[in-house]
């Protein structure tokens, strides 16, 4: 009896440990076109404050830059969407534009690199009342990117802005992997 209870407890622990929570924003089939549309909820991905700004942001709840990501699937096309929010209304002055065709490079935990191409330009949306600027764009994911991202966590991300590039450590290294797996459930 003890052995049976122990075996069931271990099995439940493994099953619960492997369970993955999927937070869908939308999961639907269009009644007119038959298109399948699955969109995940936005989740935190990167939070970063440059060392020169640490003194100022030490007491604030937010970091200078916070990037949220979500994945989506329309029929068989996969995409990665990101929203980068800067705690300044002058982000355009410092970073410029996220340009269509520019790159995001992800360094994976297994040592490999993935290069994604930005699919939409964004000049940033400044909220002068709140003192923030938000950039939003997306990258269409190729099959090889999807396979690599499902298998390995992301350690670091480099974003190419029109005025240069910045590299950021990843706070939530498995978020994209988890979301991509949810899209295929």
N, C-alpha and C. Protein backbone atom coordinates (compact mmCIF):
# COMPACT_ATOMS: atom_id res chain seq x y z
N UNK A 1 0.82 -1.20 0.00
CA UNK A 1 0.00 0.00 0.00
C UNK A 1 0.87 1.26 0.00
N UNK A 2 1.92 1.25 0.85
CA UNK A 2 2.80 2.41 0.91
C UNK A 2 3.50 2.62 -0.44
N UNK A 3 3.90 1.52 -1.05
CA UNK A 3 4.58 1.59 -2.34
C UNK A 3 3.65 2.18 -3.40
N UNK A 4 2.38 1.80 -3.41
CA UNK A 4 1.40 2.32 -4.36
C UNK A 4 1.19 3.81 -4.16
N UNK A 5 1.06 4.25 -2.92
CA UNK A 5 0.88 5.67 -2.62
C UNK A 5 2.11 6.45 -3.04
N UNK A 6 3.29 5.92 -2.74
CA UNK A 6 4.54 6.59 -3.12
C UNK A 6 4.65 6.70 -4.64
N UNK A 7 4.33 5.63 -5.35
CA UNK A 7 4.38 5.64 -6.81
C UNK A 7 3.40 6.66 -7.37
N UNK A 8 2.19 6.70 -6.85
CA UNK A 8 1.19 7.67 -7.33
C UNK A 8 1.62 9.10 -7.03
N UNK A 9 2.21 9.32 -5.86
CA UNK A 9 2.68 10.66 -5.50
C UNK A 9 3.79 11.11 -6.44
N UNK A 10 4.74 10.22 -6.72
CA UNK A 10 5.83 10.56 -7.65
C UNK A 10 5.31 10.83 -9.05
N UNK A 11 4.38 10.00 -9.52
CA UNK A 11 3.81 10.18 -10.84
C UNK A 11 3.07 11.51 -10.94
N UNK A 12 2.29 11.85 -9.92
CA UNK A 12 1.57 13.13 -9.94
C UNK A 12 2.55 14.30 -9.92
N UNK A 13 3.64 14.16 -9.17
CA UNK A 13 4.65 15.21 -9.14
C UNK A 13 5.27 15.44 -10.50
N UNK A 14 5.56 14.36 -11.21
CA UNK A 14 6.12 14.47 -12.56
C UNK A 14 5.12 15.12 -13.50
N UNK A 15 3.87 14.69 -13.45
CA UNK A 15 2.85 15.24 -14.33
C UNK A 15 2.60 16.72 -14.04
N UNK A 16 2.53 17.08 -12.78
CA UNK A 16 2.31 18.48 -12.43
C UNK A 16 3.53 19.31 -12.79
N UNK A 17 4.73 18.75 -12.57
CA UNK A 17 5.96 19.46 -12.92
C UNK A 17 6.08 19.72 -14.41
N UNK A 18 5.54 18.82 -15.23
CA UNK A 18 5.59 18.98 -16.68
C UNK A 18 4.41 19.77 -17.23
N UNK A 19 3.42 20.01 -16.39
CA UNK A 19 2.25 20.77 -16.84
C UNK A 19 2.67 22.20 -17.14
N UNK A 20 2.12 22.73 -18.17
CA UNK A 20 2.48 24.07 -18.59
C UNK A 20 1.21 24.88 -18.71
N UNK A 21 1.22 26.04 -18.12
CA UNK A 21 0.05 26.88 -18.19
C UNK A 21 0.09 27.69 -19.48
N UNK A 22 -1.00 27.64 -20.21
CA UNK A 22 -1.11 28.38 -21.46
C UNK A 22 -2.14 29.49 -21.26
N UNK A 23 -1.68 30.73 -21.40
CA UNK A 23 -2.56 31.88 -21.25
C UNK A 23 -2.87 32.45 -22.62
N UNK A 24 -4.02 32.07 -23.15
CA UNK A 24 -4.42 32.50 -24.48
C UNK A 24 -5.16 33.83 -24.42
N UNK A 25 -4.80 34.73 -25.32
CA UNK A 25 -5.57 35.95 -25.51
C UNK A 25 -6.76 35.64 -26.42
N UNK A 26 -6.47 34.89 -27.50
CA UNK A 26 -7.49 34.42 -28.44
C UNK A 26 -7.13 33.03 -28.91
N UNK A 27 -8.14 32.21 -29.08
CA UNK A 27 -7.96 30.88 -29.63
C UNK A 27 -9.26 30.56 -30.35
N UNK A 28 -9.29 30.88 -31.65
CA UNK A 28 -10.56 30.81 -32.37
C UNK A 28 -10.38 30.41 -33.82
N UNK A 29 -11.48 30.01 -34.40
CA UNK A 29 -11.55 29.74 -35.83
C UNK A 29 -12.57 30.71 -36.40
N UNK A 30 -12.15 31.48 -37.42
CA UNK A 30 -13.05 32.45 -38.04
C UNK A 30 -14.17 31.71 -38.76
N UNK A 31 -15.40 32.05 -38.42
CA UNK A 31 -16.54 31.33 -38.99
C UNK A 31 -16.74 31.59 -40.48
N UNK A 32 -16.21 32.67 -41.01
CA UNK A 32 -16.37 32.97 -42.43
C UNK A 32 -15.24 32.40 -43.29
N UNK A 33 -13.99 32.54 -42.79
CA UNK A 33 -12.84 32.10 -43.60
C UNK A 33 -12.29 30.74 -43.20
N UNK A 34 -12.59 30.31 -41.99
CA UNK A 34 -12.04 29.06 -41.49
C UNK A 34 -10.61 29.20 -40.98
N UNK A 35 -10.09 30.43 -40.97
CA UNK A 35 -8.73 30.67 -40.48
C UNK A 35 -8.66 30.42 -38.98
N UNK A 36 -7.60 29.74 -38.56
CA UNK A 36 -7.34 29.52 -37.14
C UNK A 36 -6.45 30.65 -36.65
N UNK A 37 -6.84 31.24 -35.53
CA UNK A 37 -6.07 32.34 -34.96
C UNK A 37 -5.85 32.06 -33.48
N UNK A 38 -4.57 31.87 -33.12
CA UNK A 38 -4.21 31.62 -31.73
C UNK A 38 -3.21 32.71 -31.32
N UNK A 39 -3.55 33.45 -30.29
CA UNK A 39 -2.70 34.55 -29.81
C UNK A 39 -2.51 34.37 -28.31
N UNK A 40 -1.27 34.38 -27.88
CA UNK A 40 -0.95 34.23 -26.46
C UNK A 40 -1.01 35.59 -25.76
N UNK A 41 -1.15 35.58 -24.45
CA UNK A 41 -1.10 36.80 -23.65
C UNK A 41 0.33 37.35 -23.63
N UNK A 42 0.46 38.66 -23.53
CA UNK A 42 1.78 39.28 -23.39
C UNK A 42 2.36 38.92 -22.03
N UNK A 43 3.65 38.55 -22.05
CA UNK A 43 4.35 38.21 -20.81
C UNK A 43 5.67 38.99 -20.76
N UNK A 44 6.15 39.29 -19.54
CA UNK A 44 7.44 39.98 -19.41
C UNK A 44 8.57 39.15 -20.00
N UNK A 45 9.51 39.83 -20.63
CA UNK A 45 10.63 39.15 -21.29
C UNK A 45 11.97 39.75 -20.85
N UNK A 46 12.07 41.07 -20.94
CA UNK A 46 13.32 41.76 -20.60
C UNK A 46 12.97 42.99 -19.77
N UNK A 47 13.75 43.23 -18.73
CA UNK A 47 13.70 44.52 -18.02
C UNK A 47 15.15 44.96 -17.84
N UNK A 48 15.41 46.21 -18.18
CA UNK A 48 16.80 46.67 -18.24
C UNK A 48 16.89 48.14 -17.85
N UNK A 49 17.88 48.43 -17.04
CA UNK A 49 18.24 49.81 -16.74
C UNK A 49 19.74 49.93 -16.91
N UNK A 50 20.18 50.82 -17.78
CA UNK A 50 21.59 51.03 -18.02
C UNK A 50 22.27 51.44 -16.71
N UNK A 51 23.52 51.03 -16.55
CA UNK A 51 24.25 51.31 -15.30
C UNK A 51 24.33 52.80 -15.01
N UNK A 52 24.37 53.65 -16.03
CA UNK A 52 24.42 55.10 -15.83
C UNK A 52 23.12 55.64 -15.24
N UNK A 53 22.03 54.87 -15.38
CA UNK A 53 20.72 55.32 -14.88
C UNK A 53 20.30 54.61 -13.60
N UNK A 54 21.09 53.66 -13.12
CA UNK A 54 20.71 52.87 -11.95
C UNK A 54 20.40 53.74 -10.73
N UNK A 55 21.20 54.77 -10.54
CA UNK A 55 21.01 55.64 -9.39
C UNK A 55 19.60 56.26 -9.40
N UNK A 56 19.15 56.65 -10.57
CA UNK A 56 17.84 57.28 -10.70
C UNK A 56 16.70 56.27 -10.58
N UNK A 57 16.88 55.08 -11.12
CA UNK A 57 15.80 54.10 -11.17
C UNK A 57 15.80 53.14 -9.98
N UNK A 58 16.72 53.29 -9.05
CA UNK A 58 16.82 52.39 -7.91
C UNK A 58 15.53 52.35 -7.09
N UNK A 59 14.88 53.47 -6.93
CA UNK A 59 13.68 53.57 -6.10
C UNK A 59 12.38 53.38 -6.88
N UNK A 60 12.48 53.37 -8.18
CA UNK A 60 11.27 53.21 -9.00
C UNK A 60 10.87 51.75 -9.11
N UNK A 61 9.60 51.51 -9.36
CA UNK A 61 9.10 50.15 -9.53
C UNK A 61 9.48 49.61 -10.91
N UNK A 62 9.54 50.50 -11.90
CA UNK A 62 9.83 50.07 -13.26
C UNK A 62 11.30 50.20 -13.58
N UNK A 63 11.71 49.40 -14.54
CA UNK A 63 13.04 49.54 -15.12
C UNK A 63 12.95 50.60 -16.22
N UNK A 64 14.10 51.08 -16.67
CA UNK A 64 14.13 52.05 -17.77
C UNK A 64 13.49 51.48 -19.02
N UNK A 65 13.75 50.20 -19.29
CA UNK A 65 13.17 49.52 -20.45
C UNK A 65 12.52 48.22 -20.00
N UNK A 66 11.30 48.02 -20.41
CA UNK A 66 10.61 46.76 -20.16
C UNK A 66 10.05 46.26 -21.50
N UNK A 67 10.39 45.02 -21.84
CA UNK A 67 9.92 44.43 -23.09
C UNK A 67 9.02 43.24 -22.77
N UNK A 68 7.83 43.29 -23.30
CA UNK A 68 6.90 42.18 -23.20
C UNK A 68 6.79 41.51 -24.55
N UNK A 69 6.56 40.19 -24.55
CA UNK A 69 6.45 39.45 -25.80
C UNK A 69 5.22 38.55 -25.77
N UNK A 70 4.75 38.23 -26.96
CA UNK A 70 3.75 37.18 -27.12
C UNK A 70 3.91 36.57 -28.50
N UNK A 71 3.48 35.32 -28.61
CA UNK A 71 3.55 34.63 -29.89
C UNK A 71 2.13 34.46 -30.42
N UNK A 72 2.05 34.27 -31.72
CA UNK A 72 0.75 34.08 -32.37
C UNK A 72 0.90 33.13 -33.54
N UNK A 73 -0.21 32.51 -33.89
CA UNK A 73 -0.23 31.59 -35.03
C UNK A 73 -1.51 31.85 -35.81
N UNK A 74 -1.36 32.17 -37.10
CA UNK A 74 -2.49 32.33 -38.00
C UNK A 74 -2.35 31.22 -39.04
N UNK A 75 -3.25 30.27 -38.97
CA UNK A 75 -3.14 29.05 -39.77
C UNK A 75 -1.78 28.41 -39.50
N UNK A 76 -0.86 28.44 -40.45
CA UNK A 76 0.45 27.82 -40.25
C UNK A 76 1.58 28.84 -40.13
N UNK A 77 1.26 30.13 -40.01
CA UNK A 77 2.27 31.17 -39.88
C UNK A 77 2.43 31.55 -38.41
N UNK A 78 3.66 31.49 -37.94
CA UNK A 78 3.98 31.82 -36.55
C UNK A 78 4.67 33.19 -36.52
N UNK A 79 4.39 33.96 -35.46
CA UNK A 79 5.03 35.27 -35.32
C UNK A 79 5.33 35.54 -33.85
N UNK A 80 6.35 36.34 -33.63
CA UNK A 80 6.73 36.82 -32.31
C UNK A 80 6.49 38.32 -32.29
N UNK A 81 5.67 38.78 -31.37
CA UNK A 81 5.37 40.20 -31.22
C UNK A 81 6.07 40.73 -29.99
N UNK A 82 6.52 41.97 -30.05
CA UNK A 82 7.13 42.57 -28.87
C UNK A 82 6.69 44.01 -28.70
N UNK A 83 6.63 44.42 -27.44
CA UNK A 83 6.32 45.80 -27.05
C UNK A 83 7.43 46.25 -26.13
N UNK A 84 8.18 47.26 -26.55
CA UNK A 84 9.29 47.79 -25.76
C UNK A 84 8.87 49.14 -25.19
N UNK A 85 8.81 49.24 -23.87
CA UNK A 85 8.37 50.48 -23.21
C UNK A 85 9.54 51.10 -22.47
N UNK A 86 9.92 52.32 -22.89
CA UNK A 86 10.98 53.09 -22.26
C UNK A 86 10.37 54.10 -21.30
N UNK A 87 11.01 54.31 -20.18
CA UNK A 87 10.56 55.30 -19.21
C UNK A 87 11.16 56.67 -19.55
N UNK A 88 10.95 57.07 -20.78
CA UNK A 88 11.35 58.40 -21.25
C UNK A 88 10.52 58.74 -22.47
N UNK A 89 10.21 60.00 -22.61
CA UNK A 89 9.50 60.44 -23.82
C UNK A 89 10.47 60.77 -24.95
N UNK A 90 11.77 60.64 -24.69
CA UNK A 90 12.79 60.97 -25.68
C UNK A 90 13.49 59.74 -26.26
N UNK A 91 12.84 58.60 -26.22
CA UNK A 91 13.48 57.36 -26.72
C UNK A 91 13.87 57.48 -28.19
N UNK A 92 13.04 58.15 -28.99
CA UNK A 92 13.36 58.32 -30.41
C UNK A 92 14.71 59.04 -30.57
N UNK A 93 14.94 60.02 -29.72
CA UNK A 93 16.19 60.79 -29.76
C UNK A 93 17.40 59.89 -29.49
N UNK A 94 17.25 58.92 -28.59
CA UNK A 94 18.36 58.05 -28.20
C UNK A 94 18.49 56.80 -29.08
N UNK A 95 17.35 56.23 -29.49
CA UNK A 95 17.36 54.94 -30.18
C UNK A 95 16.93 55.02 -31.64
N UNK A 96 16.10 55.99 -31.95
CA UNK A 96 15.60 56.13 -33.31
C UNK A 96 14.40 55.24 -33.55
N UNK A 97 14.43 54.51 -34.65
CA UNK A 97 13.30 53.73 -35.14
C UNK A 97 13.62 52.24 -35.05
N UNK A 98 12.59 51.44 -34.85
CA UNK A 98 12.70 50.00 -35.09
C UNK A 98 12.30 49.85 -36.55
N UNK A 99 13.25 49.52 -37.40
CA UNK A 99 13.02 49.52 -38.85
C UNK A 99 12.66 48.15 -39.39
N UNK A 100 11.69 48.13 -40.31
CA UNK A 100 11.36 46.90 -41.02
C UNK A 100 12.62 46.40 -41.71
N UNK A 101 12.90 45.12 -41.56
CA UNK A 101 14.09 44.53 -42.17
C UNK A 101 15.31 44.51 -41.28
N UNK A 102 15.28 45.26 -40.16
CA UNK A 102 16.42 45.20 -39.24
C UNK A 102 16.34 43.93 -38.41
N UNK A 103 17.35 43.69 -37.58
CA UNK A 103 17.50 42.39 -36.94
C UNK A 103 17.27 42.42 -35.43
N UNK A 104 16.86 41.26 -34.95
CA UNK A 104 16.92 40.92 -33.53
C UNK A 104 17.70 39.60 -33.50
N UNK A 105 18.77 39.58 -32.72
CA UNK A 105 19.54 38.35 -32.59
C UNK A 105 19.35 37.81 -31.18
N UNK A 106 19.03 36.53 -31.09
CA UNK A 106 18.84 35.88 -29.80
C UNK A 106 19.94 34.85 -29.59
N UNK A 107 20.62 34.96 -28.45
CA UNK A 107 21.63 33.97 -28.07
C UNK A 107 20.94 32.96 -27.16
N UNK A 108 20.94 31.70 -27.58
CA UNK A 108 20.26 30.66 -26.84
C UNK A 108 21.19 30.00 -25.81
N UNK A 109 20.58 29.34 -24.84
CA UNK A 109 21.34 28.69 -23.78
C UNK A 109 22.26 27.60 -24.30
N UNK A 110 21.91 27.01 -25.43
CA UNK A 110 22.77 25.96 -26.01
C UNK A 110 23.94 26.53 -26.82
N UNK A 111 24.07 27.86 -26.84
CA UNK A 111 25.18 28.52 -27.52
C UNK A 111 24.87 28.95 -28.95
N UNK A 112 23.76 28.51 -29.49
CA UNK A 112 23.42 28.88 -30.87
C UNK A 112 22.79 30.28 -30.91
N UNK A 113 22.73 30.83 -32.10
CA UNK A 113 22.14 32.16 -32.33
C UNK A 113 20.99 32.04 -33.32
N UNK A 114 19.98 32.86 -33.09
CA UNK A 114 18.86 32.96 -34.03
C UNK A 114 18.76 34.41 -34.45
N UNK A 115 18.66 34.64 -35.74
CA UNK A 115 18.51 35.99 -36.27
C UNK A 115 17.10 36.14 -36.82
N UNK A 116 16.35 37.07 -36.23
CA UNK A 116 14.98 37.34 -36.66
C UNK A 116 14.94 38.68 -37.38
N UNK A 117 14.05 38.80 -38.34
CA UNK A 117 13.91 40.04 -39.11
C UNK A 117 12.62 40.75 -38.70
N UNK A 118 12.75 42.02 -38.39
CA UNK A 118 11.60 42.81 -37.96
C UNK A 118 10.68 43.06 -39.15
N UNK A 119 9.39 42.82 -38.95
CA UNK A 119 8.41 42.88 -40.03
C UNK A 119 7.68 44.19 -40.19
N UNK A 120 7.84 45.13 -39.24
CA UNK A 120 7.10 46.39 -39.32
C UNK A 120 7.91 47.48 -38.63
N UNK A 121 8.06 48.61 -39.30
CA UNK A 121 8.75 49.75 -38.69
C UNK A 121 7.86 50.41 -37.65
N UNK A 122 8.50 50.97 -36.61
CA UNK A 122 7.77 51.73 -35.60
C UNK A 122 8.66 52.87 -35.13
N UNK A 123 8.12 54.07 -35.17
CA UNK A 123 8.86 55.27 -34.75
C UNK A 123 8.72 55.53 -33.26
N UNK A 124 7.93 54.73 -32.57
CA UNK A 124 7.71 54.91 -31.15
C UNK A 124 6.50 55.79 -30.90
N UNK A 125 5.76 55.45 -29.89
CA UNK A 125 4.58 56.22 -29.49
C UNK A 125 4.87 56.83 -28.13
N UNK A 126 5.09 58.14 -28.10
CA UNK A 126 5.44 58.83 -26.86
C UNK A 126 4.19 59.29 -26.14
N UNK A 127 4.13 58.97 -24.85
CA UNK A 127 3.06 59.42 -23.97
C UNK A 127 3.66 60.51 -23.08
N UNK A 128 3.41 61.76 -23.44
CA UNK A 128 4.04 62.87 -22.74
C UNK A 128 3.51 63.04 -21.33
N UNK A 129 2.28 62.62 -21.06
CA UNK A 129 1.73 62.70 -19.71
C UNK A 129 2.44 61.73 -18.76
N UNK A 130 2.74 60.55 -19.26
CA UNK A 130 3.38 59.52 -18.43
C UNK A 130 4.90 59.52 -18.57
N UNK A 131 5.42 60.21 -19.58
CA UNK A 131 6.86 60.25 -19.80
C UNK A 131 7.42 58.93 -20.30
N UNK A 132 6.67 58.25 -21.18
CA UNK A 132 7.11 56.96 -21.72
C UNK A 132 7.06 56.95 -23.24
N UNK A 133 7.78 56.03 -23.83
CA UNK A 133 7.71 55.78 -25.27
C UNK A 133 7.62 54.28 -25.47
N UNK A 134 6.69 53.85 -26.32
CA UNK A 134 6.50 52.43 -26.58
C UNK A 134 6.70 52.13 -28.06
N UNK A 135 7.49 51.11 -28.33
CA UNK A 135 7.70 50.60 -29.68
C UNK A 135 7.04 49.22 -29.76
N UNK A 136 6.36 48.95 -30.86
CA UNK A 136 5.73 47.65 -31.07
C UNK A 136 6.05 47.15 -32.47
N UNK A 137 6.37 45.88 -32.57
CA UNK A 137 6.60 45.28 -33.88
C UNK A 137 6.50 43.77 -33.77
N UNK A 138 6.89 43.09 -34.83
CA UNK A 138 6.80 41.63 -34.85
C UNK A 138 7.86 41.06 -35.78
N UNK A 139 8.09 39.76 -35.62
CA UNK A 139 8.97 38.99 -36.50
C UNK A 139 8.23 37.72 -36.89
N UNK A 140 8.18 37.41 -38.19
CA UNK A 140 7.63 36.14 -38.63
C UNK A 140 8.69 35.08 -38.35
N UNK A 141 8.26 33.96 -37.78
CA UNK A 141 9.20 32.90 -37.40
C UNK A 141 9.25 31.81 -38.46
N UNK A 142 10.46 31.46 -38.86
CA UNK A 142 10.67 30.35 -39.79
C UNK A 142 10.63 29.04 -39.01
N UNK A 143 10.43 27.93 -39.71
CA UNK A 143 10.34 26.62 -39.05
C UNK A 143 11.59 26.30 -38.23
N UNK A 144 12.77 26.64 -38.76
CA UNK A 144 14.01 26.36 -38.03
C UNK A 144 14.09 27.20 -36.74
N UNK A 145 13.61 28.45 -36.80
CA UNK A 145 13.58 29.30 -35.61
C UNK A 145 12.67 28.71 -34.55
N UNK A 146 11.50 28.25 -34.97
CA UNK A 146 10.51 27.69 -34.05
C UNK A 146 11.10 26.47 -33.35
N UNK A 147 11.72 25.59 -34.13
CA UNK A 147 12.32 24.37 -33.54
C UNK A 147 13.38 24.73 -32.51
N UNK A 148 14.27 25.64 -32.85
CA UNK A 148 15.34 26.04 -31.92
C UNK A 148 14.78 26.71 -30.67
N UNK A 149 13.81 27.60 -30.86
CA UNK A 149 13.24 28.33 -29.72
C UNK A 149 12.45 27.42 -28.78
N UNK A 150 11.86 26.37 -29.32
CA UNK A 150 11.13 25.41 -28.47
C UNK A 150 12.09 24.59 -27.61
N UNK A 151 13.30 24.36 -28.12
CA UNK A 151 14.24 23.46 -27.45
C UNK A 151 15.19 24.14 -26.48
N UNK A 152 15.39 25.45 -26.59
CA UNK A 152 16.39 26.11 -25.77
C UNK A 152 15.90 27.45 -25.24
N UNK A 153 16.30 27.76 -24.02
CA UNK A 153 15.97 29.06 -23.44
C UNK A 153 16.82 30.15 -24.08
N UNK A 154 16.39 31.39 -23.91
CA UNK A 154 17.09 32.54 -24.48
C UNK A 154 17.89 33.22 -23.37
N UNK A 155 19.18 33.41 -23.61
CA UNK A 155 20.04 34.05 -22.62
C UNK A 155 20.13 35.56 -22.81
N UNK A 156 20.29 35.97 -24.06
CA UNK A 156 20.54 37.38 -24.35
C UNK A 156 19.90 37.75 -25.68
N UNK A 157 19.51 39.01 -25.79
CA UNK A 157 18.86 39.51 -27.01
C UNK A 157 19.55 40.80 -27.44
N UNK A 158 19.82 40.89 -28.74
CA UNK A 158 20.37 42.13 -29.30
C UNK A 158 19.34 42.69 -30.28
N UNK A 159 18.98 43.95 -30.06
CA UNK A 159 18.02 44.63 -30.93
C UNK A 159 18.76 45.72 -31.69
N UNK A 160 18.58 45.74 -33.00
CA UNK A 160 19.18 46.76 -33.85
C UNK A 160 18.19 47.89 -34.05
N UNK A 161 18.49 49.02 -33.42
CA UNK A 161 17.70 50.24 -33.59
C UNK A 161 18.33 51.04 -34.73
N UNK A 162 17.66 52.06 -35.22
CA UNK A 162 18.23 52.83 -36.33
C UNK A 162 19.46 53.63 -35.92
N UNK A 163 19.64 53.88 -34.61
CA UNK A 163 20.80 54.63 -34.14
C UNK A 163 21.85 53.73 -33.48
N UNK A 164 21.77 52.44 -33.72
CA UNK A 164 22.74 51.51 -33.17
C UNK A 164 22.05 50.27 -32.62
N UNK A 165 22.79 49.47 -31.88
CA UNK A 165 22.18 48.28 -31.30
C UNK A 165 22.43 48.25 -29.80
N UNK A 166 21.58 47.51 -29.11
CA UNK A 166 21.69 47.30 -27.68
C UNK A 166 21.50 45.82 -27.41
N UNK A 167 22.24 45.30 -26.43
CA UNK A 167 22.09 43.91 -26.01
C UNK A 167 21.52 43.87 -24.60
N UNK A 168 20.62 42.93 -24.37
CA UNK A 168 19.92 42.84 -23.09
C UNK A 168 19.92 41.41 -22.59
N UNK A 169 20.11 41.24 -21.29
CA UNK A 169 19.94 39.93 -20.67
C UNK A 169 18.45 39.63 -20.60
N UNK A 170 18.12 38.37 -20.69
CA UNK A 170 16.73 37.94 -20.71
C UNK A 170 16.29 37.56 -19.30
N UNK A 171 15.22 38.19 -18.80
CA UNK A 171 14.70 37.90 -17.46
C UNK A 171 13.81 36.67 -17.43
N UNK A 172 13.15 36.39 -18.51
CA UNK A 172 12.21 35.29 -18.58
C UNK A 172 12.62 34.41 -19.76
N UNK A 173 13.69 33.62 -19.60
CA UNK A 173 14.31 32.93 -20.73
C UNK A 173 13.46 31.86 -21.42
N UNK A 174 12.44 31.34 -20.75
CA UNK A 174 11.66 30.26 -21.36
C UNK A 174 10.29 30.71 -21.86
N UNK A 175 9.99 32.00 -21.78
CA UNK A 175 8.64 32.47 -22.14
C UNK A 175 8.30 32.16 -23.60
N UNK A 176 9.20 32.39 -24.52
CA UNK A 176 8.90 32.16 -25.94
C UNK A 176 8.78 30.66 -26.20
N UNK A 177 9.66 29.87 -25.63
CA UNK A 177 9.58 28.41 -25.77
C UNK A 177 8.23 27.89 -25.28
N UNK A 178 7.85 28.34 -24.10
CA UNK A 178 6.57 27.89 -23.53
C UNK A 178 5.38 28.30 -24.40
N UNK A 179 5.40 29.55 -24.87
CA UNK A 179 4.29 30.03 -25.69
C UNK A 179 4.21 29.28 -27.02
N UNK A 180 5.35 29.02 -27.65
CA UNK A 180 5.33 28.28 -28.91
C UNK A 180 4.77 26.88 -28.73
N UNK A 181 5.09 26.24 -27.63
CA UNK A 181 4.54 24.92 -27.34
C UNK A 181 3.03 25.00 -27.15
N UNK A 182 2.55 26.07 -26.52
CA UNK A 182 1.11 26.25 -26.34
C UNK A 182 0.38 26.43 -27.67
N UNK A 183 1.01 27.09 -28.62
CA UNK A 183 0.38 27.30 -29.92
C UNK A 183 0.09 25.99 -30.64
N UNK A 184 0.85 24.95 -30.31
CA UNK A 184 0.70 23.66 -30.98
C UNK A 184 -0.15 22.66 -30.21
N UNK A 185 -0.70 23.08 -29.08
CA UNK A 185 -1.54 22.15 -28.29
C UNK A 185 -2.88 21.96 -28.95
